[in-house]
Amino acid sequence: MSMPYYASAEQIMRDRSEYARKGISRGRSVVVLTYRDGVLFVAENPSSTLHKVSEIYDRIGFAAVGRYSEFEALRVMGIRHADMRGYSYDRKDVTGRSLANTYAQTLGTIFTEQVKPMEVEVVVAEVGTTAEQDQLYRLTYDGSIGDEPNYVVMGGQTDGINTKLKDTFESGLELSAALSVAVKALSTEGKQLERKQLEVAVLDRTRPQRAFRRITGAALAALLPAEDEPKAEGEGDGTPASNGSGS
């Protein structure tokens, strides 16, 4: 008779953690940071329909990296939770902290009770009436939750992006300056991101009720400084552009 397979609880938790971290690291990065009028979300995301950044409630936003189907399920769950709480009590009772706690409980339960953990990392952001009231909550695959003061980096090679932000981020930046800082940080691996590769949104405290808005097209182009715009091949360096069809 064969002996049953045995692994210690510690080993199982380590294996699950390693599995989730690998899945998250394969995703493209997201940066969430505060600026003068609220919270800015910048994601490397070439898709125009599969969003990494979304609105949850009036003044609450959501960003995630990892397996899309899993963080999309969390997003929908968050919207339903916020709508139910706002309907049952008051819209002011829907807070980023309560939503983050709900996500933490869900992620923690799945991590400890299910065979496969969720391959996701999430930020719940809430914009306040003043900059001091802005909140960024980071949630990891095991249900851990952290209150981040200025910015959060998720997915991809986070070390290089964090290092760049540590050197360039300042509190109270204008939106265009904050966007430039985020795009340059995401481009630290020797690649220059084009506008079509970016998903950008804000929680704008100056808006009367629904603070979330996406920034696309001409509005995004107007915010990016000229030096952040990718040059066409040969432009500005005296080299004629190629007419070849190489990939």
C-alpha atoms as a PDB file:
ATOM      1  CA  MET A   1       0.000   0.000   0.000  1.00  0.00           C
ATOM      2  CA  SER A   2       1.408   3.389  -0.979  1.00  0.00           C
ATOM      3  CA  MET A   3       1.960   5.987   1.724  1.00  0.00           C
ATOM      4  CA  PRO A   4      -0.217   9.122   1.517  1.00  0.00           C
ATOM      5  CA  TYR A   5       1.528  12.297   0.379  1.00  0.00           C
ATOM      6  CA  TYR A   6       2.294  14.647   3.251  1.00  0.00           C
ATOM      7  CA  ALA A   7       3.432  18.267   3.301  1.00  0.00           C
ATOM      8  CA  SER A   8       3.600  20.546   6.310  1.00  0.00           C
ATOM      9  CA  ALA A   9       1.263  23.508   6.572  1.00  0.00           C
ATOM     10  CA  GLU A  10       4.265  25.831   6.290  1.00  0.00           C
ATOM     11  CA  GLN A  11       5.369  24.207   3.040  1.00  0.00           C
ATOM     12  CA  ILE A  12       1.880  24.405   1.571  1.00  0.00           C
ATOM     13  CA  MET A  13       1.665  28.117   2.382  1.00  0.00           C
ATOM     14  CA  ARG A  14       5.107  28.736   0.873  1.00  0.00           C
ATOM     15  CA  ASP A  15       4.151  26.883  -2.295  1.00  0.00           C
ATOM     16  CA  ARG A  16       0.938  28.851  -2.640  1.00  0.00           C
ATOM     17  CA  SER A  17       2.778  32.131  -2.078  1.00  0.00           C
ATOM     18  CA  GLU A  18       5.393  31.291  -4.684  1.00  0.00           C
ATOM     19  CA  TYR A  19       2.726  30.270  -7.186  1.00  0.00           C
ATOM     20  CA  ALA A  20       0.794  33.521  -6.717  1.00  0.00           C
ATOM     21  CA  ARG A  21       3.899  35.740  -6.835  1.00  0.00           C
ATOM     22  CA  LYS A  22       5.058  34.184 -10.104  1.00  0.00           C
ATOM     23  CA  GLY A  23       1.676  34.741 -11.693  1.00  0.00           C
ATOM     24  CA  ILE A  24       1.543  38.372 -10.584  1.00  0.00           C
ATOM     25  CA  SER A  25       5.106  39.139 -11.697  1.00  0.00           C
ATOM     26  CA  ARG A  26       4.278  38.064 -15.255  1.00  0.00           C
ATOM     27  CA  GLY A  27       1.696  40.841 -15.527  1.00  0.00           C
ATOM     28  CA  ARG A  28       2.359  44.344 -16.837  1.00  0.00           C
ATOM     29  CA  SER A  29       2.915  46.970 -14.176  1.00  0.00           C
ATOM     30  CA  VAL A  30       0.486  49.455 -12.633  1.00  0.00           C
ATOM     31  CA  VAL A  31       1.395  52.625 -10.744  1.00  0.00           C
ATOM     32  CA  VAL A  32      -1.051  54.404  -8.437  1.00  0.00           C
ATOM     33  CA  LEU A  33       0.073  57.716  -6.948  1.00  0.00           C
ATOM     34  CA  THR A  34      -1.327  60.824  -5.369  1.00  0.00           C
ATOM     35  CA  TYR A  35      -1.214  64.222  -7.038  1.00  0.00           C
ATOM     36  CA  ARG A  36      -2.460  67.692  -6.116  1.00  0.00           C
ATOM     37  CA  ASP A  37      -6.134  67.124  -6.968  1.00  0.00           C
ATOM     38  CA  GLY A  38      -6.498  63.433  -6.169  1.00  0.00           C
ATOM     39  CA  VAL A  39      -5.213  60.018  -7.182  1.00  0.00           C
ATOM     40  CA  LEU A  40      -3.676  59.032 -10.520  1.00  0.00           C
ATOM     41  CA  PHE A  41      -3.744  55.509 -12.013  1.00  0.00           C
ATOM     42  CA  VAL A  42      -1.289  54.616 -14.790  1.00  0.00           C
ATOM     43  CA  ALA A  43      -1.150  51.072 -16.163  1.00  0.00           C
ATOM     44  CA  GLU A  44       0.807  49.486 -18.951  1.00  0.00           C
ATOM     45  CA  ASN A  45      -2.126  48.020 -20.831  1.00  0.00           C
ATOM     46  CA  PRO A  46      -2.334  47.791 -24.645  1.00  0.00           C
ATOM     47  CA  SER A  47      -5.952  46.573 -24.486  1.00  0.00           C
ATOM     48  CA  SER A  48      -8.671  49.176 -24.921  1.00  0.00           C
ATOM     49  CA  THR A  49     -11.405  46.963 -23.476  1.00  0.00           C
ATOM     50  CA  LEU A  50      -9.859  44.798 -20.733  1.00  0.00           C
ATOM     51  CA  HIS A  51      -9.299  47.428 -18.076  1.00  0.00           C
ATOM     52  CA  LYS A  52      -6.940  47.159 -15.133  1.00  0.00           C
ATOM     53  CA  VAL A  53      -8.310  50.367 -13.611  1.00  0.00           C
ATOM     54  CA  SER A  54     -11.979  50.967 -12.819  1.00  0.00           C
ATOM     55  CA  GLU A  55     -14.467  52.933 -10.757  1.00  0.00           C
ATOM     56  CA  ILE A  56     -16.006  51.199  -7.750  1.00  0.00           C
ATOM     57  CA  TYR A  57     -18.110  53.974  -6.209  1.00  0.00           C
ATOM     58  CA  ASP A  58     -18.458  57.756  -6.110  1.00  0.00           C
ATOM     59  CA  ARG A  59     -14.944  58.511  -4.839  1.00  0.00           C
ATOM     60  CA  ILE A  60     -13.360  55.052  -4.853  1.00  0.00           C
ATOM     61  CA  GLY A  61     -11.207  53.516  -7.571  1.00  0.00           C
ATOM     62  CA  PHE A  62      -9.767  50.057  -8.170  1.00  0.00           C
ATOM     63  CA  ALA A  63      -6.556  48.899  -9.855  1.00  0.00           C
ATOM     64  CA  ALA A  64      -5.227  45.358 -10.182  1.00  0.00           C
ATOM     65  CA  VAL A  65      -2.605  43.151 -11.789  1.00  0.00           C
ATOM     66  CA  GLY A  66      -2.443  39.401 -12.306  1.00  0.00           C
ATOM     67  CA  ARG A  67      -4.996  37.019 -13.764  1.00  0.00           C
ATOM     68  CA  TYR A  68      -7.693  39.110 -15.447  1.00  0.00           C
ATOM     69  CA  SER A  69     -10.639  36.800 -14.790  1.00  0.00           C
ATOM     70  CA  GLU A  70      -9.838  36.765 -11.072  1.00  0.00           C
ATOM     71  CA  PHE A  71      -9.414  40.478 -10.499  1.00  0.00           C
ATOM     72  CA  GLU A  72     -12.455  41.193 -12.674  1.00  0.00           C
ATOM     73  CA  ALA A  73     -14.489  38.982 -10.325  1.00  0.00           C
ATOM     74  CA  LEU A  74     -13.128  41.007  -7.382  1.00  0.00           C
ATOM     75  CA  ARG A  75     -14.035  44.264  -9.122  1.00  0.00           C
ATOM     76  CA  VAL A  76     -17.637  43.160  -9.669  1.00  0.00           C
ATOM     77  CA  MET A  77     -17.855  41.934  -6.086  1.00  0.00           C
ATOM     78  CA  GLY A  78     -16.619  45.315  -4.865  1.00  0.00           C
ATOM     79  CA  ILE A  79     -19.191  47.223  -6.885  1.00  0.00           C
ATOM     80  CA  ARG A  80     -22.014  45.052  -5.542  1.00  0.00           C
ATOM     81  CA  HIS A  81     -20.746  45.414  -1.980  1.00  0.00           C
ATOM     82  CA  ALA A  82     -20.517  49.214  -2.309  1.00  0.00           C
ATOM     83  CA  ASP A  83     -23.934  49.532  -3.940  1.00  0.00           C
ATOM     84  CA  MET A  84     -25.587  47.392  -1.258  1.00  0.00           C
ATOM     85  CA  ARG A  85     -23.945  49.293   1.585  1.00  0.00           C
ATOM     86  CA  GLY A  86     -24.799  52.664   0.071  1.00  0.00           C
ATOM     87  CA  TYR A  87     -28.407  51.606  -0.516  1.00  0.00           C
ATOM     88  CA  SER A  88     -28.853  50.085   2.951  1.00  0.00           C
ATOM     89  CA  TYR A  89     -27.234  52.916   4.883  1.00  0.00           C
ATOM     90  CA  ASP A  90     -25.891  56.063   3.267  1.00  0.00           C
ATOM     91  CA  ARG A  91     -23.565  56.785   0.358  1.00  0.00           C
ATOM     92  CA  LYS A  92     -21.103  58.348   2.813  1.00  0.00           C
ATOM     93  CA  ASP A  93     -20.865  54.991   4.610  1.00  0.00           C
ATOM     94  CA  VAL A  94     -19.156  53.454   1.586  1.00  0.00           C
ATOM     95  CA  THR A  95     -15.444  53.908   2.267  1.00  0.00           C
ATOM     96  CA  GLY A  96     -12.229  52.645   0.780  1.00  0.00           C
ATOM     97  CA  ARG A  97     -11.250  51.119   4.113  1.00  0.00           C
ATOM     98  CA  SER A  98     -14.431  49.041   4.403  1.00  0.00           C
ATOM     99  CA  LEU A  99     -14.036  47.813   0.836  1.00  0.00           C
ATOM    100  CA  ALA A 100     -10.363  46.979   1.385  1.00  0.00           C
ATOM    101  CA  ASN A 101     -11.278  44.978   4.488  1.00  0.00           C
ATOM    102  CA  THR A 102     -13.859  43.031   2.500  1.00  0.00           C
ATOM    103  CA  TYR A 103     -11.296  42.230  -0.187  1.00  0.00           C
ATOM    104  CA  ALA A 104      -8.751  41.223   2.452  1.00  0.00           C
ATOM    105  CA  GLN A 105     -11.185  38.751   4.026  1.00  0.00           C
ATOM    106  CA  THR A 106     -12.052  37.251   0.636  1.00  0.00           C
ATOM    107  CA  LEU A 107      -8.431  36.903  -0.494  1.00  0.00           C
ATOM    108  CA  GLY A 108      -7.338  35.508   2.876  1.00  0.00           C
ATOM    109  CA  THR A 109     -10.096  32.903   2.910  1.00  0.00           C
ATOM    110  CA  ILE A 110      -9.280  31.737  -0.614  1.00  0.00           C
ATOM    111  CA  PHE A 111      -5.559  31.599   0.160  1.00  0.00           C
ATOM    112  CA  THR A 112      -5.968  29.430   3.246  1.00  0.00           C
ATOM    113  CA  GLU A 113      -8.902  27.237   2.221  1.00  0.00           C
ATOM    114  CA  GLN A 114      -8.594  26.716  -1.524  1.00  0.00           C
ATOM    115  CA  VAL A 115      -5.973  24.655  -3.338  1.00  0.00           C
ATOM    116  CA  LYS A 116      -5.122  27.502  -5.723  1.00  0.00           C
ATOM    117  CA  PRO A 117      -4.675  31.079  -4.456  1.00  0.00           C
ATOM    118  CA  MET A 118      -5.789  34.087  -6.472  1.00  0.00           C
ATOM    119  CA  GLU A 119      -2.999  35.394  -8.707  1.00  0.00           C
ATOM    120  CA  VAL A 120      -3.870  39.031  -8.089  1.00  0.00           C
ATOM    121  CA  GLU A 121      -2.701  42.158  -6.360  1.00  0.00           C
ATOM    122  CA  VAL A 122      -5.148  45.012  -5.811  1.00  0.00           C
ATOM    123  CA  VAL A 123      -5.172  48.687  -4.873  1.00  0.00           C
ATOM    124  CA  VAL A 124      -8.283  50.346  -3.488  1.00  0.00           C
ATOM    125  CA  ALA A 125      -7.977  54.137  -3.629  1.00  0.00           C
ATOM    126  CA  GLU A 126     -10.281  56.743  -2.101  1.00  0.00           C
ATOM    127  CA  VAL A 127      -9.997  60.448  -2.792  1.00  0.00           C
ATOM    128  CA  GLY A 128     -10.793  62.771   0.105  1.00  0.00           C
ATOM    129  CA  THR A 129     -11.864  66.383   0.248  1.00  0.00           C
ATOM    130  CA  THR A 130      -8.226  67.265   1.016  1.00  0.00           C
ATOM    131  CA  ALA A 131      -4.934  65.635   0.050  1.00  0.00           C
ATOM    132  CA  GLU A 132      -4.400  64.513   3.637  1.00  0.00           C
ATOM    133  CA  GLN A 133      -7.585  62.416   3.417  1.00  0.00           C
ATOM    134  CA  ASP A 134      -6.579  60.485   0.284  1.00  0.00           C
ATOM    135  CA  GLN A 135      -6.186  56.757   0.956  1.00  0.00           C
ATOM    136  CA  LEU A 136      -4.303  54.008  -0.911  1.00  0.00           C
ATOM    137  CA  TYR A 137      -4.830  50.433   0.296  1.00  0.00           C
ATOM    138  CA  ARG A 138      -2.717  47.655  -1.154  1.00  0.00           C
ATOM    139  CA  LEU A 139      -3.979  44.071  -0.949  1.00  0.00           C
ATOM    140  CA  THR A 140      -1.953  41.006  -1.804  1.00  0.00           C
ATOM    141  CA  TYR A 141      -2.943  37.488  -2.813  1.00  0.00           C
ATOM    142  CA  ASP A 142      -2.949  36.216   0.801  1.00  0.00           C
ATOM    143  CA  GLY A 143      -5.247  38.918   2.170  1.00  0.00           C
ATOM    144  CA  SER A 144      -2.502  41.116   3.603  1.00  0.00           C
ATOM    145  CA  ILE A 145      -3.458  44.797   3.591  1.00  0.00           C
ATOM    146  CA  GLY A 146      -1.302  47.886   3.791  1.00  0.00           C
ATOM    147  CA  ASP A 147      -2.033  51.613   3.931  1.00  0.00           C
ATOM    148  CA  GLU A 148       0.381  53.275   1.485  1.00  0.00           C
ATOM    149  CA  PRO A 149       1.103  57.003   1.910  1.00  0.00           C
ATOM    150  CA  ASN A 150       2.085  58.267  -1.574  1.00  0.00           C
ATOM    151  CA  TYR A 151       2.283  55.622  -4.293  1.00  0.00           C
ATOM    152  CA  VAL A 152       1.961  51.912  -5.021  1.00  0.00           C
ATOM    153  CA  VAL A 153       3.628  49.780  -7.709  1.00  0.00           C
ATOM    154  CA  MET A 154       2.227  46.379  -8.679  1.00  0.00           C
ATOM    155  CA  GLY A 155       3.149  43.699 -11.208  1.00  0.00           C
ATOM    156  CA  GLY A 156       6.155  43.248 -13.457  1.00  0.00           C
ATOM    157  CA  GLN A 157       9.580  44.295 -12.197  1.00  0.00           C
ATOM    158  CA  THR A 158       8.526  46.411  -9.240  1.00  0.00           C
ATOM    159  CA  ASP A 159      12.006  47.022  -7.788  1.00  0.00           C
ATOM    160  CA  GLY A 160      13.218  49.228 -10.634  1.00  0.00           C
ATOM    161  CA  ILE A 161       9.957  51.184 -10.782  1.00  0.00           C
ATOM    162  CA  ASN A 162       9.934  51.717  -7.012  1.00  0.00           C
ATOM    163  CA  THR A 163      13.518  52.962  -7.129  1.00  0.00           C
ATOM    164  CA  LYS A 164      12.672  55.460  -9.867  1.00  0.00           C
ATOM    165  CA  LEU A 165       9.583  56.723  -8.036  1.00  0.00           C
ATOM    166  CA  LYS A 166      11.523  57.088  -4.801  1.00  0.00           C
ATOM    167  CA  ASP A 167      13.867  59.479  -6.603  1.00  0.00           C
ATOM    168  CA  THR A 168      11.299  61.430  -8.632  1.00  0.00           C
ATOM    169  CA  PHE A 169       7.996  61.478  -6.732  1.00  0.00           C
ATOM    170  CA  GLU A 170       7.013  64.637  -4.858  1.00  0.00           C
ATOM    171  CA  SER A 171       3.828  65.413  -2.971  1.00  0.00           C
ATOM    172  CA  GLY A 172       1.452  67.924  -4.525  1.00  0.00           C
ATOM    173  CA  LEU A 173       2.477  67.479  -8.161  1.00  0.00           C
ATOM    174  CA  GLU A 174       0.228  68.815 -10.898  1.00  0.00           C
ATOM    175  CA  LEU A 175      -1.514  66.133 -12.956  1.00  0.00           C
ATOM    176  CA  SER A 176       0.770  66.477 -15.979  1.00  0.00           C
ATOM    177  CA  ALA A 177       3.898  66.302 -13.806  1.00  0.00           C
ATOM    178  CA  ALA A 178       2.585  63.286 -11.891  1.00  0.00           C
ATOM    179  CA  LEU A 179       1.740  61.507 -15.153  1.00  0.00           C
ATOM    180  CA  SER A 180       5.231  62.205 -16.482  1.00  0.00           C
ATOM    181  CA  VAL A 181       6.777  60.762 -13.312  1.00  0.00           C
ATOM    182  CA  ALA A 182       4.637  57.616 -13.579  1.00  0.00           C
ATOM    183  CA  VAL A 183       5.319  57.045 -17.293  1.00  0.00           C
ATOM    184  CA  LYS A 184       9.078  57.500 -16.852  1.00  0.00           C
ATOM    185  CA  ALA A 185       9.044  55.061 -13.926  1.00  0.00           C
ATOM    186  CA  LEU A 186       7.175  52.463 -15.990  1.00  0.00           C
ATOM    187  CA  SER A 187       9.735  52.948 -18.772  1.00  0.00           C
ATOM    188  CA  THR A 188      12.763  52.161 -16.608  1.00  0.00           C
ATOM    189  CA  GLU A 189      13.437  48.810 -18.269  1.00  0.00           C
ATOM    190  CA  GLY A 190      14.768  50.418 -21.444  1.00  0.00           C
ATOM    191  CA  LYS A 191      11.412  50.609 -23.200  1.00  0.00           C
ATOM    192  CA  GLN A 192       9.538  53.807 -24.021  1.00  0.00           C
ATOM    193  CA  LEU A 193       5.798  53.333 -23.617  1.00  0.00           C
ATOM    194  CA  GLU A 194       3.538  54.819 -26.260  1.00  0.00           C
ATOM    195  CA  ARG A 195       0.179  56.414 -25.497  1.00  0.00           C
ATOM    196  CA  LYS A 196      -1.664  53.438 -26.950  1.00  0.00           C
ATOM    197  CA  GLN A 197       0.058  51.213 -24.374  1.00  0.00           C
ATOM    198  CA  LEU A 198      -1.158  53.281 -21.424  1.00  0.00           C
ATOM    199  CA  GLU A 199      -4.365  53.121 -19.431  1.00  0.00           C
ATOM    200  CA  VAL A 200      -4.759  56.339 -17.443  1.00  0.00           C
ATOM    201  CA  ALA A 201      -7.472  57.453 -15.044  1.00  0.00           C
ATOM    202  CA  VAL A 202      -7.877  59.729 -12.043  1.00  0.00           C
ATOM    203  CA  LEU A 203      -9.960  60.222  -8.946  1.00  0.00           C
ATOM    204  CA  ASP A 204     -10.424  63.989  -9.155  1.00  0.00           C
ATOM    205  CA  ARG A 205     -11.460  65.633  -5.878  1.00  0.00           C
ATOM    206  CA  THR A 206     -12.694  68.738  -7.746  1.00  0.00           C
ATOM    207  CA  ARG A 207     -15.529  66.802  -9.390  1.00  0.00           C
ATOM    208  CA  PRO A 208     -18.801  67.165  -7.463  1.00  0.00           C
ATOM    209  CA  GLN A 209     -19.809  63.521  -6.883  1.00  0.00           C
ATOM    210  CA  ARG A 210     -18.343  60.866  -9.165  1.00  0.00           C
ATOM    211  CA  ALA A 211     -14.619  61.551  -8.957  1.00  0.00           C
ATOM    212  CA  PHE A 212     -13.451  58.859 -11.388  1.00  0.00           C
ATOM    213  CA  ARG A 213     -12.677  59.703 -14.998  1.00  0.00           C
ATOM    214  CA  ARG A 214     -10.588  58.091 -17.710  1.00  0.00           C
ATOM    215  CA  ILE A 215      -8.030  60.099 -19.664  1.00  0.00           C
ATOM    216  CA  THR A 216      -7.668  59.033 -23.281  1.00  0.00           C
ATOM    217  CA  GLY A 217      -6.967  60.368 -26.765  1.00  0.00           C
ATOM    218  CA  ALA A 218      -6.310  64.081 -27.132  1.00  0.00           C
ATOM    219  CA  ALA A 219      -6.716  64.692 -23.402  1.00  0.00           C
ATOM    220  CA  LEU A 220      -3.919  62.219 -22.663  1.00  0.00           C
ATOM    221  CA  ALA A 221      -1.701  63.640 -25.419  1.00  0.00           C
ATOM    222  CA  ALA A 222      -2.106  67.138 -23.973  1.00  0.00           C
ATOM    223  CA  LEU A 223      -0.908  65.970 -20.552  1.00  0.00           C
ATOM    224  CA  LEU A 224       2.219  64.147 -21.735  1.00  0.00           C
ATOM    225  CA  PRO A 225       5.268  66.426 -22.071  1.00  0.00           C
ATOM    226  CA  ALA A 226       6.965  66.468 -25.463  1.00  0.00           C
ATOM    227  CA  GLU A 227       9.981  64.555 -24.159  1.00  0.00           C
ATOM    228  CA  ASP A 228       7.695  61.701 -23.083  1.00  0.00           C
ATOM    229  CA  GLU A 229       6.259  61.333 -26.586  1.00  0.00           C
ATOM    230  CA  PRO A 230       7.890  58.475 -28.510  1.00  0.00           C
ATOM    231  CA  LYS A 231       9.702  59.694 -31.641  1.00  0.00           C
ATOM    232  CA  ALA A 232       9.124  58.140 -35.029  1.00  0.00           C
ATOM    233  CA  GLU A 233      12.080  56.199 -36.377  1.00  0.00           C
ATOM    234  CA  GLY A 234      14.717  58.632 -37.584  1.00  0.00           C
ATOM    235  CA  GLU A 235      12.922  61.714 -36.249  1.00  0.00           C
ATOM    236  CA  GLY A 236      15.197  64.312 -34.710  1.00  0.00           C
ATOM    237  CA  ASP A 237      18.451  62.346 -35.063  1.00  0.00           C
ATOM    238  CA  GLY A 238      19.303  62.968 -38.678  1.00  0.00           C
ATOM    239  CA  THR A 239      18.566  59.362 -39.656  1.00  0.00           C
ATOM    240  CA  PRO A 240      16.063  58.867 -42.477  1.00  0.00           C
ATOM    241  CA  ALA A 241      13.060  56.778 -41.572  1.00  0.00           C
ATOM    242  CA  SER A 242      13.074  53.258 -42.948  1.00  0.00           C
ATOM    243  CA  ASN A 243      10.451  52.149 -45.450  1.00  0.00           C
ATOM    244  CA  GLY A 244      11.059  48.476 -44.703  1.00  0.00           C
ATOM    245  CA  SER A 245       8.352  46.148 -43.493  1.00  0.00           C
ATOM    246  CA  GLY A 246      10.294  44.290 -40.768  1.00  0.00           C
ATOM    247  CA  SER A 247       8.417  43.284 -37.640  1.00  0.00           C
END
